[in-house]
Amino acid sequence: MEEREVGPPPRLPRPPRSRLLGGPRVQRHRGPVDRRSVFVGGKPLTREPPSVRAVAEEQPRRMGIFRHLEELRQRLKWSILAVFFLFVFFAAFRIQTADVGGVTVPYPWPDPLQPAASQFFNLTLNYLVPPDVTPVVLGPTDAFVVQLQSALFLALVSGMPIVAYHMGKFIAPALYERERKVIVRLVVPAVFLFVAGILLAFFVLLPFTFRFLYSIAGSLGARQKFLSLDQFIGFTLVFTFGFAATFELPIVMYALTAATLVKASTWRKYWRFAVIAIFFFAALITPDSSGVTMLLVAFPMLGLYLAGYIAAAVHERRKASPAVSP
């Protein structure tokens, strides 16, 4: 029998490894891949069908949206209820005073005919309107509507902290820490400027406006001067809130620059358009066509625009300057 030398057994060809297309940079952009997946023909085949996986990933997202909508509904409900109860209080209760041990103590008393809204309206009317002007009611429902408008104004002003609290609680989880710090830093200046606008409009601009306009009527020989209650409350509320809203102009400009939405140079570049818009808005909220009250409103707005540009430029310069290490 013939002997033969037997060498090592021949190597069988290995099956090709299942590899993912693309290098590490591509895989990093694609995201993590489940290593437990089964690879067929070099491509991963997940154990779970794509349709089921898509549904499973979409379900928490839908639940999150519904939870956010439910929370928004709850926040709006409590805000509306707070304003509604305050509206009922100012429309149905009057503020009376009692002397307790030599101390004057105010307390509410139910009186739908002379509620707190009517008390506030009478104080405002006596302070703003000249004494030679006679208030009149032109329709049977004017007095009732004016009383409701006054109650709604008081309810909105006194209930604004509650509304701001609930809206802040709803928006806060969606903000980054830096955005929260910016908002917190702007809350106090925004409230201060809004209150300053209301006080300036109520104690300076409105008394001057009414006296100036009715002085023109006297120079024309008018023997009697009348003022409709409906026109008075409408003009007073629109003028006061409109002028107070203009005091938020520096806050808006600074916030847009801090959020890198508008550069500080943009405010300087388009200042001519800003001047035109300011005079247009001032003419919109002032009633007379003489232009005097329009100038009284426009000049403070121009100063506020300049202050907003300076604040935005300072913030942009501080952000661009390199931090000095100790």
C-alpha atoms as a PDB file:
ATOM      1  CA  MET A   1       0.000   0.000   0.000  1.00  0.00           C
ATOM      2  CA  GLU A   2       1.529   3.341  -1.046  1.00  0.00           C
ATOM      3  CA  GLU A   3       2.086   5.951   1.650  1.00  0.00           C
ATOM      4  CA  ARG A   4       1.507   9.662   1.009  1.00  0.00           C
ATOM      5  CA  GLU A   5       2.424  12.690   3.061  1.00  0.00           C
ATOM      6  CA  VAL A   6      -0.703  14.426   4.284  1.00  0.00           C
ATOM      7  CA  GLY A   7      -0.449  18.171   4.916  1.00  0.00           C
ATOM      8  CA  PRO A   8      -2.718  20.490   6.851  1.00  0.00           C
ATOM      9  CA  PRO A   9      -6.346  20.423   5.868  1.00  0.00           C
ATOM     10  CA  PRO A  10      -7.349  23.077   3.371  1.00  0.00           C
ATOM     11  CA  ARG A  11      -8.995  26.208   4.814  1.00  0.00           C
ATOM     12  CA  LEU A  12     -12.566  26.700   3.919  1.00  0.00           C
ATOM     13  CA  PRO A  13     -13.499  30.264   2.852  1.00  0.00           C
ATOM     14  CA  ARG A  14     -15.145  32.220   5.643  1.00  0.00           C
ATOM     15  CA  PRO A  15     -18.502  33.786   4.981  1.00  0.00           C
ATOM     16  CA  PRO A  16     -18.284  37.535   4.509  1.00  0.00           C
ATOM     17  CA  ARG A  17     -18.778  39.540   7.663  1.00  0.00           C
ATOM     18  CA  SER A  18     -21.796  41.713   7.878  1.00  0.00           C
ATOM     19  CA  ARG A  19     -20.508  45.253   7.895  1.00  0.00           C
ATOM     20  CA  LEU A  20     -22.255  48.550   8.043  1.00  0.00           C
ATOM     21  CA  LEU A  21     -21.631  50.930   5.206  1.00  0.00           C
ATOM     22  CA  GLY A  22     -19.713  54.042   6.078  1.00  0.00           C
ATOM     23  CA  GLY A  23     -16.860  54.786   8.399  1.00  0.00           C
ATOM     24  CA  PRO A  24     -16.967  55.972  12.004  1.00  0.00           C
ATOM     25  CA  ARG A  25     -17.896  59.513  10.974  1.00  0.00           C
ATOM     26  CA  VAL A  26     -20.913  58.288   9.004  1.00  0.00           C
ATOM     27  CA  GLN A  27     -21.955  55.947  11.797  1.00  0.00           C
ATOM     28  CA  ARG A  28     -21.737  58.785  14.297  1.00  0.00           C
ATOM     29  CA  HIS A  29     -24.207  60.805  12.236  1.00  0.00           C
ATOM     30  CA  ARG A  30     -26.448  57.796  11.766  1.00  0.00           C
ATOM     31  CA  GLY A  31     -26.730  57.272  15.495  1.00  0.00           C
ATOM     32  CA  PRO A  32     -26.324  54.141  17.609  1.00  0.00           C
ATOM     33  CA  VAL A  33     -27.162  50.774  16.050  1.00  0.00           C
ATOM     34  CA  ASP A  34     -28.540  47.868  17.982  1.00  0.00           C
ATOM     35  CA  ARG A  35     -25.719  45.275  17.979  1.00  0.00           C
ATOM     36  CA  ARG A  36     -28.198  42.550  18.786  1.00  0.00           C
ATOM     37  CA  SER A  37     -29.790  43.004  15.387  1.00  0.00           C
ATOM     38  CA  VAL A  38     -29.574  40.230  12.846  1.00  0.00           C
ATOM     39  CA  PHE A  39     -27.497  41.089   9.749  1.00  0.00           C
ATOM     40  CA  VAL A  40     -28.623  39.692   6.430  1.00  0.00           C
ATOM     41  CA  GLY A  41     -26.605  40.517   3.336  1.00  0.00           C
ATOM     42  CA  GLY A  42     -24.561  43.113   5.205  1.00  0.00           C
ATOM     43  CA  LYS A  43     -27.655  45.102   6.250  1.00  0.00           C
ATOM     44  CA  PRO A  44     -29.186  45.084   9.702  1.00  0.00           C
ATOM     45  CA  LEU A  45     -32.597  43.555  10.031  1.00  0.00           C
ATOM     46  CA  THR A  46     -34.176  44.498  13.320  1.00  0.00           C
ATOM     47  CA  ARG A  47     -36.117  41.921  15.224  1.00  0.00           C
ATOM     48  CA  GLU A  48     -38.996  44.350  15.434  1.00  0.00           C
ATOM     49  CA  PRO A  49     -40.833  45.347  12.273  1.00  0.00           C
ATOM     50  CA  PRO A  50     -40.310  49.015  11.312  1.00  0.00           C
ATOM     51  CA  SER A  51     -43.991  49.787  11.478  1.00  0.00           C
ATOM     52  CA  VAL A  52     -44.253  48.545  15.052  1.00  0.00           C
ATOM     53  CA  ARG A  53     -41.101  50.429  16.056  1.00  0.00           C
ATOM     54  CA  ALA A  54     -42.408  53.647  14.480  1.00  0.00           C
ATOM     55  CA  VAL A  55     -45.653  53.282  16.391  1.00  0.00           C
ATOM     56  CA  ALA A  56     -43.774  52.602  19.622  1.00  0.00           C
ATOM     57  CA  GLU A  57     -41.615  55.702  19.161  1.00  0.00           C
ATOM     58  CA  GLU A  58     -44.562  57.888  18.202  1.00  0.00           C
ATOM     59  CA  GLN A  59     -46.737  56.862  21.139  1.00  0.00           C
ATOM     60  CA  PRO A  60     -44.747  58.665  23.885  1.00  0.00           C
ATOM     61  CA  ARG A  61     -44.569  61.755  21.676  1.00  0.00           C
ATOM     62  CA  ARG A  62     -48.328  61.839  21.295  1.00  0.00           C
ATOM     63  CA  MET A  63     -48.796  61.275  24.996  1.00  0.00           C
ATOM     64  CA  GLY A  64     -46.423  64.186  25.694  1.00  0.00           C
ATOM     65  CA  ILE A  65     -48.399  66.522  23.441  1.00  0.00           C
ATOM     66  CA  PHE A  66     -51.665  65.540  25.103  1.00  0.00           C
ATOM     67  CA  ARG A  67     -50.146  66.079  28.540  1.00  0.00           C
ATOM     68  CA  HIS A  68     -48.961  69.540  27.509  1.00  0.00           C
ATOM     69  CA  LEU A  69     -52.401  70.412  26.167  1.00  0.00           C
ATOM     70  CA  GLU A  70     -54.004  69.186  29.371  1.00  0.00           C
ATOM     71  CA  GLU A  71     -51.624  71.272  31.464  1.00  0.00           C
ATOM     72  CA  LEU A  72     -52.317  74.318  29.281  1.00  0.00           C
ATOM     73  CA  ARG A  73     -56.039  73.768  29.746  1.00  0.00           C
ATOM     74  CA  GLN A  74     -55.632  73.612  33.512  1.00  0.00           C
ATOM     75  CA  ARG A  75     -53.489  76.751  33.603  1.00  0.00           C
ATOM     76  CA  LEU A  76     -55.969  78.674  31.451  1.00  0.00           C
ATOM     77  CA  LYS A  77     -58.861  77.425  33.555  1.00  0.00           C
ATOM     78  CA  TRP A  78     -57.377  78.694  36.814  1.00  0.00           C
ATOM     79  CA  SER A  79     -56.369  81.995  35.221  1.00  0.00           C
ATOM     80  CA  ILE A  80     -59.840  82.600  33.781  1.00  0.00           C
ATOM     81  CA  LEU A  81     -61.497  81.610  37.065  1.00  0.00           C
ATOM     82  CA  ALA A  82     -59.296  84.038  38.996  1.00  0.00           C
ATOM     83  CA  VAL A  83     -60.127  86.924  36.644  1.00  0.00           C
ATOM     84  CA  PHE A  84     -63.828  85.977  36.681  1.00  0.00           C
ATOM     85  CA  PHE A  85     -64.106  85.965  40.490  1.00  0.00           C
ATOM     86  CA  LEU A  86     -62.272  89.286  40.672  1.00  0.00           C
ATOM     87  CA  PHE A  87     -64.644  90.679  38.033  1.00  0.00           C
ATOM     88  CA  VAL A  88     -67.672  89.568  40.074  1.00  0.00           C
ATOM     89  CA  PHE A  89     -66.169  91.104  43.204  1.00  0.00           C
ATOM     90  CA  PHE A  90     -65.536  94.511  41.613  1.00  0.00           C
ATOM     91  CA  ALA A  91     -68.956  94.493  39.892  1.00  0.00           C
ATOM     92  CA  ALA A  92     -71.038  93.453  42.932  1.00  0.00           C
ATOM     93  CA  PHE A  93     -69.200  94.676  46.060  1.00  0.00           C
ATOM     94  CA  ARG A  94     -68.292  98.141  47.220  1.00  0.00           C
ATOM     95  CA  ILE A  95     -65.448  99.088  49.519  1.00  0.00           C
ATOM     96  CA  GLN A  96     -66.615 100.609  52.776  1.00  0.00           C
ATOM     97  CA  THR A  97     -64.607 101.742  55.768  1.00  0.00           C
ATOM     98  CA  ALA A  98     -65.103 101.263  59.478  1.00  0.00           C
ATOM     99  CA  ASP A  99     -63.388 102.929  62.419  1.00  0.00           C
ATOM    100  CA  VAL A 100     -61.927 100.235  64.668  1.00  0.00           C
ATOM    101  CA  GLY A 101     -60.025 101.621  67.633  1.00  0.00           C
ATOM    102  CA  GLY A 102     -59.146 104.799  65.799  1.00  0.00           C
ATOM    103  CA  VAL A 103     -57.926 102.879  62.744  1.00  0.00           C
ATOM    104  CA  THR A 104     -59.807 103.039  59.434  1.00  0.00           C
ATOM    105  CA  VAL A 105     -60.318  99.493  58.159  1.00  0.00           C
ATOM    106  CA  PRO A 106     -61.720  98.876  54.641  1.00  0.00           C
ATOM    107  CA  TYR A 107     -64.057  95.955  54.075  1.00  0.00           C
ATOM    108  CA  PRO A 108     -66.224  94.727  51.160  1.00  0.00           C
ATOM    109  CA  TRP A 109     -69.991  95.103  51.228  1.00  0.00           C
ATOM    110  CA  PRO A 110     -72.437  93.725  48.628  1.00  0.00           C
ATOM    111  CA  ASP A 111     -73.879  96.610  46.596  1.00  0.00           C
ATOM    112  CA  PRO A 112     -74.471  95.988  42.853  1.00  0.00           C
ATOM    113  CA  LEU A 113     -75.706  99.565  42.292  1.00  0.00           C
ATOM    114  CA  GLN A 114     -72.593 101.283  43.669  1.00  0.00           C
ATOM    115  CA  PRO A 115     -69.821  98.666  43.416  1.00  0.00           C
ATOM    116  CA  ALA A 116     -66.070  99.155  43.564  1.00  0.00           C
ATOM    117  CA  ALA A 117     -66.010  99.590  39.785  1.00  0.00           C
ATOM    118  CA  SER A 118     -68.256 102.657  40.071  1.00  0.00           C
ATOM    119  CA  GLN A 119     -66.122 104.032  42.890  1.00  0.00           C
ATOM    120  CA  PHE A 120     -62.995 103.676  40.765  1.00  0.00           C
ATOM    121  CA  PHE A 121     -64.701 105.285  37.764  1.00  0.00           C
ATOM    122  CA  ASN A 122     -65.896 108.285  39.785  1.00  0.00           C
ATOM    123  CA  LEU A 123     -62.428 108.874  41.230  1.00  0.00           C
ATOM    124  CA  THR A 124     -60.889 108.691  37.760  1.00  0.00           C
ATOM    125  CA  LEU A 125     -63.494 111.004  36.240  1.00  0.00           C
ATOM    126  CA  ASN A 126     -63.146 113.645  38.967  1.00  0.00           C
ATOM    127  CA  TYR A 127     -59.353 113.638  38.704  1.00  0.00           C
ATOM    128  CA  LEU A 128     -58.918 113.707  34.930  1.00  0.00           C
ATOM    129  CA  VAL A 129     -61.820 115.815  33.649  1.00  0.00           C
ATOM    130  CA  PRO A 130     -61.948 119.598  34.284  1.00  0.00           C
ATOM    131  CA  PRO A 131     -64.654 120.685  36.739  1.00  0.00           C
ATOM    132  CA  ASP A 132     -66.548 122.747  34.129  1.00  0.00           C
ATOM    133  CA  VAL A 133     -67.212 119.637  31.973  1.00  0.00           C
ATOM    134  CA  THR A 134     -70.529 117.833  32.515  1.00  0.00           C
ATOM    135  CA  PRO A 135     -70.556 114.013  32.181  1.00  0.00           C
ATOM    136  CA  VAL A 136     -73.578 112.730  30.256  1.00  0.00           C
ATOM    137  CA  VAL A 137     -75.119 109.368  29.386  1.00  0.00           C
ATOM    138  CA  LEU A 138     -76.302 109.157  25.777  1.00  0.00           C
ATOM    139  CA  GLY A 139     -77.978 105.739  25.883  1.00  0.00           C
ATOM    140  CA  PRO A 140     -79.912 103.594  28.365  1.00  0.00           C
ATOM    141  CA  THR A 141     -77.202 100.937  28.496  1.00  0.00           C
ATOM    142  CA  ASP A 142     -74.147 103.220  28.540  1.00  0.00           C
ATOM    143  CA  ALA A 143     -73.879 103.399  32.326  1.00  0.00           C
ATOM    144  CA  PHE A 144     -74.176  99.617  32.704  1.00  0.00           C
ATOM    145  CA  VAL A 145     -71.551  98.987  30.013  1.00  0.00           C
ATOM    146  CA  VAL A 146     -69.174 101.518  31.576  1.00  0.00           C
ATOM    147  CA  GLN A 147     -69.546  99.829  34.955  1.00  0.00           C
ATOM    148  CA  LEU A 148     -68.753  96.419  33.441  1.00  0.00           C
ATOM    149  CA  GLN A 149     -65.744  97.826  31.576  1.00  0.00           C
ATOM    150  CA  SER A 150     -64.399  99.348  34.782  1.00  0.00           C
ATOM    151  CA  ALA A 151     -64.870  96.059  36.643  1.00  0.00           C
ATOM    152  CA  LEU A 152     -63.120  94.141  33.869  1.00  0.00           C
ATOM    153  CA  PHE A 153     -60.216  96.602  33.897  1.00  0.00           C
ATOM    154  CA  LEU A 154     -59.763  96.212  37.656  1.00  0.00           C
ATOM    155  CA  ALA A 155     -60.044  92.413  37.396  1.00  0.00           C
ATOM    156  CA  LEU A 156     -57.391  92.214  34.670  1.00  0.00           C
ATOM    157  CA  VAL A 157     -54.965  94.490  36.507  1.00  0.00           C
ATOM    158  CA  SER A 158     -55.350  92.785  39.897  1.00  0.00           C
ATOM    159  CA  GLY A 159     -55.400  89.291  38.370  1.00  0.00           C
ATOM    160  CA  MET A 160     -52.348  89.801  36.169  1.00  0.00           C
ATOM    161  CA  PRO A 161     -49.919  88.294  38.749  1.00  0.00           C
ATOM    162  CA  ILE A 162     -52.013  85.105  38.884  1.00  0.00           C
ATOM    163  CA  VAL A 163     -52.142  84.836  35.091  1.00  0.00           C
ATOM    164  CA  ALA A 164     -48.397  85.494  34.816  1.00  0.00           C
ATOM    165  CA  TYR A 165     -47.684  82.825  37.451  1.00  0.00           C
ATOM    166  CA  HIS A 166     -49.644  80.103  35.631  1.00  0.00           C
ATOM    167  CA  MET A 167     -48.254  81.028  32.218  1.00  0.00           C
ATOM    168  CA  GLY A 168     -44.739  81.022  33.642  1.00  0.00           C
ATOM    169  CA  LYS A 169     -45.265  77.577  35.165  1.00  0.00           C
ATOM    170  CA  PHE A 170     -46.414  76.287  31.779  1.00  0.00           C
ATOM    171  CA  ILE A 171     -43.578  77.803  29.732  1.00  0.00           C
ATOM    172  CA  ALA A 172     -40.703  77.211  32.192  1.00  0.00           C
ATOM    173  CA  PRO A 173     -40.118  73.477  31.415  1.00  0.00           C
ATOM    174  CA  ALA A 174     -39.590  74.280  27.717  1.00  0.00           C
ATOM    175  CA  LEU A 175     -36.827  76.831  28.366  1.00  0.00           C
ATOM    176  CA  TYR A 176     -33.113  76.304  28.784  1.00  0.00           C
ATOM    177  CA  GLU A 177     -31.357  77.506  31.902  1.00  0.00           C
ATOM    178  CA  ARG A 178     -29.833  80.472  30.051  1.00  0.00           C
ATOM    179  CA  GLU A 179     -33.233  81.518  28.701  1.00  0.00           C
ATOM    180  CA  ARG A 180     -34.766  81.295  32.171  1.00  0.00           C
ATOM    181  CA  LYS A 181     -32.063  83.559  33.563  1.00  0.00           C
ATOM    182  CA  VAL A 182     -32.678  86.110  30.799  1.00  0.00           C
ATOM    183  CA  ILE A 183     -36.427  86.117  31.466  1.00  0.00           C
ATOM    184  CA  VAL A 184     -35.967  86.414  35.228  1.00  0.00           C
ATOM    185  CA  ARG A 185     -33.514  89.265  34.681  1.00  0.00           C
ATOM    186  CA  LEU A 186     -36.070  91.108  32.523  1.00  0.00           C
ATOM    187  CA  VAL A 187     -39.162  90.593  34.701  1.00  0.00           C
ATOM    188  CA  VAL A 188     -38.433  93.349  37.218  1.00  0.00           C
ATOM    189  CA  PRO A 189     -37.497  96.015  34.612  1.00  0.00           C
ATOM    190  CA  ALA A 190     -40.536  95.090  32.500  1.00  0.00           C
ATOM    191  CA  VAL A 191     -42.937  95.459  35.440  1.00  0.00           C
ATOM    192  CA  PHE A 192     -41.259  98.690  36.537  1.00  0.00           C
ATOM    193  CA  LEU A 193     -41.471 100.239  33.056  1.00  0.00           C
ATOM    194  CA  PHE A 194     -45.104  99.177  32.579  1.00  0.00           C
ATOM    195  CA  VAL A 195     -46.151 100.692  35.914  1.00  0.00           C
ATOM    196  CA  ALA A 196     -44.148 103.830  35.127  1.00  0.00           C
ATOM    197  CA  GLY A 197     -45.991 104.160  31.820  1.00  0.00           C
ATOM    198  CA  ILE A 198     -49.379 103.835  33.531  1.00  0.00           C
ATOM    199  CA  LEU A 199     -48.493 106.429  36.184  1.00  0.00           C
ATOM    200  CA  LEU A 200     -47.094 108.890  33.643  1.00  0.00           C
ATOM    201  CA  ALA A 201     -50.147 108.549  31.405  1.00  0.00           C
ATOM    202  CA  PHE A 202     -52.642 108.784  34.262  1.00  0.00           C
ATOM    203  CA  PHE A 203     -51.117 111.588  36.330  1.00  0.00           C
ATOM    204  CA  VAL A 204     -49.443 113.724  33.632  1.00  0.00           C
ATOM    205  CA  LEU A 205     -50.579 113.140  30.060  1.00  0.00           C
ATOM    206  CA  LEU A 206     -54.304 112.459  30.479  1.00  0.00           C
ATOM    207  CA  PRO A 207     -55.070 115.495  32.704  1.00  0.00           C
ATOM    208  CA  PHE A 208     -53.139 117.749  30.322  1.00  0.00           C
ATOM    209  CA  THR A 209     -54.894 116.240  27.301  1.00  0.00           C
ATOM    210  CA  PHE A 210     -58.422 116.786  28.668  1.00  0.00           C
ATOM    211  CA  ARG A 211     -57.676 120.327  29.847  1.00  0.00           C
ATOM    212  CA  PHE A 212     -56.012 121.257  26.564  1.00  0.00           C
ATOM    213  CA  LEU A 213     -58.817 119.904  24.386  1.00  0.00           C
ATOM    214  CA  TYR A 214     -61.621 121.510  26.410  1.00  0.00           C
ATOM    215  CA  SER A 215     -59.748 124.814  26.554  1.00  0.00           C
ATOM    216  CA  ILE A 216     -60.003 124.921  22.766  1.00  0.00           C
ATOM    217  CA  ALA A 217     -63.781 124.469  23.078  1.00  0.00           C
ATOM    218  CA  GLY A 218     -63.923 127.409  25.491  1.00  0.00           C
ATOM    219  CA  SER A 219     -61.945 129.631  23.126  1.00  0.00           C
ATOM    220  CA  LEU A 220     -64.521 128.920  20.418  1.00  0.00           C
ATOM    221  CA  GLY A 221     -67.345 130.275  22.594  1.00  0.00           C
ATOM    222  CA  ALA A 222     -68.848 126.996  23.784  1.00  0.00           C
ATOM    223  CA  ARG A 223     -71.037 127.731  26.791  1.00  0.00           C
ATOM    224  CA  GLN A 224     -71.480 124.146  27.904  1.00  0.00           C
ATOM    225  CA  LYS A 225     -69.014 121.281  27.719  1.00  0.00           C
ATOM    226  CA  PHE A 226     -70.165 117.680  27.790  1.00  0.00           C
ATOM    227  CA  LEU A 227     -68.375 114.359  27.916  1.00  0.00           C
ATOM    228  CA  SER A 228     -69.944 110.982  27.242  1.00  0.00           C
ATOM    229  CA  LEU A 229     -69.094 108.373  29.858  1.00  0.00           C
ATOM    230  CA  ASP A 230     -68.672 105.730  27.173  1.00  0.00           C
ATOM    231  CA  GLN A 231     -66.161 107.848  25.248  1.00  0.00           C
ATOM    232  CA  PHE A 232     -64.324 108.739  28.436  1.00  0.00           C
ATOM    233  CA  ILE A 233     -63.733 105.167  29.616  1.00  0.00           C
ATOM    234  CA  GLY A 234     -62.838 103.952  26.137  1.00  0.00           C
ATOM    235  CA  PHE A 235     -60.313 106.700  25.483  1.00  0.00           C
ATOM    236  CA  THR A 236     -58.795 106.482  28.971  1.00  0.00           C
ATOM    237  CA  LEU A 237     -58.235 102.721  28.821  1.00  0.00           C
ATOM    238  CA  VAL A 238     -56.847 102.722  25.269  1.00  0.00           C
ATOM    239  CA  PHE A 239     -54.525 105.642  25.933  1.00  0.00           C
ATOM    240  CA  THR A 240     -53.270 104.293  29.276  1.00  0.00           C
ATOM    241  CA  PHE A 241     -52.587 100.739  28.105  1.00  0.00           C
ATOM    242  CA  GLY A 242     -51.181 101.894  24.771  1.00  0.00           C
ATOM    243  CA  PHE A 243     -48.775 104.314  26.393  1.00  0.00           C
ATOM    244  CA  ALA A 244     -47.758 101.769  29.046  1.00  0.00           C
ATOM    245  CA  ALA A 245     -47.093  99.184  26.333  1.00  0.00           C
ATOM    246  CA  THR A 246     -44.666 101.568  24.624  1.00  0.00           C
ATOM    247  CA  PHE A 247     -42.541 101.531  27.773  1.00  0.00           C
ATOM    248  CA  GLU A 248     -41.792  97.859  27.060  1.00  0.00           C
ATOM    249  CA  LEU A 249     -39.921  98.849  23.879  1.00  0.00           C
ATOM    250  CA  PRO A 250     -36.419  98.714  25.462  1.00  0.00           C
ATOM    251  CA  ILE A 251     -37.192  95.305  26.972  1.00  0.00           C
ATOM    252  CA  VAL A 252     -38.274  93.908  23.599  1.00  0.00           C
ATOM    253  CA  MET A 253     -35.211  95.314  21.830  1.00  0.00           C
ATOM    254  CA  TYR A 254     -32.831  93.960  24.469  1.00  0.00           C
ATOM    255  CA  ALA A 255     -34.505  90.534  24.477  1.00  0.00           C
ATOM    256  CA  LEU A 256     -34.308  90.201  20.686  1.00  0.00           C
ATOM    257  CA  THR A 257     -30.627  91.100  20.728  1.00  0.00           C
ATOM    258  CA  ALA A 258     -29.899  88.795  23.673  1.00  0.00           C
ATOM    259  CA  ALA A 259     -31.590  85.941  21.792  1.00  0.00           C
ATOM    260  CA  THR A 260     -29.343  86.699  18.760  1.00  0.00           C
ATOM    261  CA  LEU A 261     -32.397  87.353  16.588  1.00  0.00           C
ATOM    262  CA  VAL A 262     -31.657  91.018  15.852  1.00  0.00           C
ATOM    263  CA  LYS A 263     -28.222  92.626  15.976  1.00  0.00           C
ATOM    264  CA  ALA A 264     -27.685  95.903  17.771  1.00  0.00           C
ATOM    265  CA  SER A 265     -26.480  97.472  14.534  1.00  0.00           C
ATOM    266  CA  THR A 266     -29.897  96.739  13.000  1.00  0.00           C
ATOM    267  CA  TRP A 267     -31.613  99.071  15.483  1.00  0.00           C
ATOM    268  CA  ARG A 268     -29.186 101.845  14.494  1.00  0.00           C
ATOM    269  CA  LYS A 269     -29.474 101.125  10.780  1.00  0.00           C
ATOM    270  CA  TYR A 270     -33.279 101.332  10.626  1.00  0.00           C
ATOM    271  CA  TRP A 271     -33.815 104.171  13.106  1.00  0.00           C
ATOM    272  CA  ARG A 272     -35.600 106.284  10.479  1.00  0.00           C
ATOM    273  CA  PHE A 273     -38.275 103.631   9.995  1.00  0.00           C
ATOM    274  CA  ALA A 274     -38.561 103.368  13.781  1.00  0.00           C
ATOM    275  CA  VAL A 275     -39.216 107.113  14.051  1.00  0.00           C
ATOM    276  CA  ILE A 276     -41.987 106.896  11.452  1.00  0.00           C
ATOM    277  CA  ALA A 277     -43.567 103.927  13.248  1.00  0.00           C
ATOM    278  CA  ILE A 278     -43.361 105.729  16.603  1.00  0.00           C
ATOM    279  CA  PHE A 279     -45.129 108.851  15.314  1.00  0.00           C
ATOM    280  CA  PHE A 280     -47.760 106.715  13.603  1.00  0.00           C
ATOM    281  CA  PHE A 281     -48.472 104.817  16.829  1.00  0.00           C
ATOM    282  CA  ALA A 282     -48.549 108.060  18.822  1.00  0.00           C
ATOM    283  CA  ALA A 283     -51.102 109.519  16.408  1.00  0.00           C
ATOM    284  CA  LEU A 284     -53.136 106.320  16.688  1.00  0.00           C
ATOM    285  CA  ILE A 285     -53.634 106.431  20.469  1.00  0.00           C
ATOM    286  CA  THR A 286     -54.158 110.208  20.775  1.00  0.00           C
ATOM    287  CA  PRO A 287     -57.590 111.650  19.947  1.00  0.00           C
ATOM    288  CA  ASP A 288     -56.891 115.217  18.859  1.00  0.00           C
ATOM    289  CA  SER A 289     -55.691 116.364  15.466  1.00  0.00           C
ATOM    290  CA  SER A 290     -53.604 119.251  16.790  1.00  0.00           C
ATOM    291  CA  GLY A 291     -50.496 117.112  17.168  1.00  0.00           C
ATOM    292  CA  VAL A 292     -49.664 118.376  20.659  1.00  0.00           C
ATOM    293  CA  THR A 293     -50.568 115.193  22.525  1.00  0.00           C
ATOM    294  CA  MET A 294     -49.001 113.157  19.731  1.00  0.00           C
ATOM    295  CA  LEU A 295     -45.681 114.886  20.408  1.00  0.00           C
ATOM    296  CA  LEU A 296     -46.093 114.302  24.145  1.00  0.00           C
ATOM    297  CA  VAL A 297     -46.370 110.572  23.441  1.00  0.00           C
ATOM    298  CA  ALA A 298     -43.789 110.350  20.655  1.00  0.00           C
ATOM    299  CA  PHE A 299     -40.889 112.052  22.443  1.00  0.00           C
ATOM    300  CA  PRO A 300     -40.785 109.580  25.364  1.00  0.00           C
ATOM    301  CA  MET A 301     -40.986 106.719  22.859  1.00  0.00           C
ATOM    302  CA  LEU A 302     -37.968 108.088  20.980  1.00  0.00           C
ATOM    303  CA  GLY A 303     -36.037 108.184  24.239  1.00  0.00           C
ATOM    304  CA  LEU A 304     -37.100 104.609  24.988  1.00  0.00           C
ATOM    305  CA  TYR A 305     -35.925 103.487  21.553  1.00  0.00           C
ATOM    306  CA  LEU A 306     -32.531 105.075  22.186  1.00  0.00           C
ATOM    307  CA  ALA A 307     -32.333 103.393  25.598  1.00  0.00           C
ATOM    308  CA  GLY A 308     -33.183 100.033  24.038  1.00  0.00           C
ATOM    309  CA  TYR A 309     -30.451 100.423  21.424  1.00  0.00           C
ATOM    310  CA  ILE A 310     -27.859 101.339  24.071  1.00  0.00           C
ATOM    311  CA  ALA A 311     -28.826  98.339  26.217  1.00  0.00           C
ATOM    312  CA  ALA A 312     -28.643  95.999  23.213  1.00  0.00           C
ATOM    313  CA  ALA A 313     -25.251  97.381  22.122  1.00  0.00           C
ATOM    314  CA  VAL A 314     -23.793  97.057  25.625  1.00  0.00           C
ATOM    315  CA  HIS A 315     -25.009  93.466  25.884  1.00  0.00           C
ATOM    316  CA  GLU A 316     -23.569  92.597  22.481  1.00  0.00           C
ATOM    317  CA  ARG A 317     -20.223  94.185  23.369  1.00  0.00           C
ATOM    318  CA  ARG A 318     -20.006  92.298  26.665  1.00  0.00           C
ATOM    319  CA  LYS A 319     -20.827  89.039  24.948  1.00  0.00           C
ATOM    320  CA  ALA A 320     -18.189  89.588  22.258  1.00  0.00           C
ATOM    321  CA  SER A 321     -15.411  90.582  24.671  1.00  0.00           C
ATOM    322  CA  PRO A 322     -13.195  87.631  25.745  1.00  0.00           C
ATOM    323  CA  ALA A 323     -13.433  86.508  29.332  1.00  0.00           C
ATOM    324  CA  VAL A 324     -10.417  87.542  31.401  1.00  0.00           C
ATOM    325  CA  SER A 325      -9.125  84.691  33.521  1.00  0.00           C
ATOM    326  CA  PRO A 326      -7.927  85.609  37.020  1.00  0.00           C
END
